[in-house]
Protein backbone atom coordinates (compact mmCIF):
# COMPACT_ATOMS: atom_id res chain seq x y z
CA MET A 1 12.85 2.90 -5.28
CA ASP A 2 12.50 -0.79 -4.62
CA VAL A 3 9.72 -1.91 -2.33
CA SER A 4 10.88 -4.16 0.48
CA ALA A 5 9.03 -6.49 2.78
CA SER A 6 10.01 -4.32 5.75
CA GLN A 7 8.44 -1.25 4.14
CA VAL A 8 5.24 -3.15 3.46
CA ASN A 9 5.27 -4.58 6.97
CA SER A 10 5.70 -1.11 8.48
CA VAL A 11 2.57 0.14 6.72
CA LEU A 12 0.69 -3.05 7.56
CA ASP A 13 1.56 -2.61 11.24
CA GLN A 14 -0.26 0.72 11.20
CA ALA A 15 -3.12 -0.57 9.07
CA GLY A 16 -3.49 -3.52 11.44
CA LYS A 17 -5.09 -1.21 13.95
CA PRO A 18 -8.86 -0.81 13.93
CA THR A 19 -9.94 0.91 10.70
CA GLY A 20 -11.29 3.92 12.57
CA GLU A 21 -7.80 4.62 13.90
CA TRP A 22 -6.08 4.88 10.55
CA MET A 23 -8.62 5.17 7.72
CA SER A 24 -9.29 8.85 8.12
CA PRO A 25 -10.99 11.24 5.71
CA GLU A 26 -7.56 12.83 5.17
CA LEU A 27 -6.05 9.51 4.06
CA LEU A 28 -8.99 8.82 1.75
CA GLN A 29 -8.66 12.30 0.23
CA ALA A 30 -4.93 11.81 -0.27
CA ILE A 31 -5.56 8.49 -2.04
CA ALA A 32 -8.27 10.12 -4.18
CA ARG A 33 -5.71 12.69 -5.40
CA GLU A 34 -3.44 9.91 -6.72
CA PRO A 35 -4.79 8.39 -9.96
CA ASP A 36 -2.28 5.51 -9.81
CA LEU A 37 -3.51 4.56 -6.35
CA LEU A 38 -7.17 4.80 -7.35
CA MET A 39 -6.56 2.56 -10.35
CA GLY A 40 -4.56 0.12 -8.25
CA PHE A 41 -7.26 -0.22 -5.61
CA GLN A 42 -9.72 -1.02 -8.40
CA ASP A 43 -7.45 -3.47 -10.24
CA PRO A 44 -8.30 -7.14 -9.46
CA GLU A 45 -4.70 -8.28 -9.97
CA ILE A 46 -3.32 -5.65 -7.59
CA GLN A 47 -6.08 -6.41 -5.08
CA ARG A 48 -5.16 -10.11 -5.21
CA ILE A 49 -1.47 -9.36 -4.72
CA MET A 50 -2.24 -6.90 -1.91
CA ALA A 51 -4.15 -9.65 -0.10
CA GLU A 52 -1.22 -12.03 -0.55
CA VAL A 53 1.33 -9.44 0.60
CA GLY A 54 -0.94 -8.49 3.50
CA ALA A 55 -0.77 -12.09 4.72
CA ASP A 56 2.97 -12.42 4.00
CA PRO A 57 4.92 -9.18 3.39
CA THR A 58 7.89 -11.14 2.00
CA ALA A 59 5.65 -12.11 -0.96
CA ILE A 60 6.31 -8.62 -2.38
CA GLU A 61 9.75 -9.85 -3.40
CA LYS A 62 8.40 -12.26 -6.01
CA TYR A 63 6.62 -9.36 -7.74
CA SER A 64 9.64 -7.06 -7.94
CA ASP A 65 9.57 -7.22 -11.75
CA ASN A 66 5.92 -6.06 -11.90
CA LYS A 67 6.47 -2.37 -12.63
CA ARG A 68 2.80 -1.45 -12.27
CA LEU A 69 2.60 -3.08 -8.84
CA MET A 70 5.90 -1.57 -7.69
CA LYS A 71 4.74 1.90 -8.78
CA PHE A 72 1.50 1.38 -6.86
CA TYR A 73 3.28 0.22 -3.68
CA GLU A 74 5.91 2.97 -3.87
CA LYS A 75 3.18 5.62 -3.98
CA TYR A 76 1.05 3.90 -1.36
CA ILE A 77 3.95 3.40 1.08
CA LYS A 78 5.06 7.01 0.66
CA LEU A 79 1.54 8.33 1.19
CA ALA A 80 0.67 5.99 4.07
CA SER A 81 4.00 6.56 5.81
CA ALA A 82 3.51 10.33 5.70
CA HIS A 83 -0.04 9.93 6.96
CA PHE A 84 0.91 7.64 9.84
CA ALA A 85 3.81 9.91 10.85
CA LYS A 86 1.34 12.67 11.76
């Protein structure tokens, strides 16, 4: 799966709401069950790129060859999308 700017933007639209509306204990527990996500949220490089992509979702395209980042975003988008669909 390739990660697109529209996928990132879709998750960011949900996350753009007040934290209390989307950062639920269920989402935190789901993230905690995913070692790749936990490592990604603790990785300074991924944090830096997440901040950049958060400001400009099209920035994800320049990192398409970063397999570690793409794996992180694929898992995060899948998890967040399922969470927000509830």
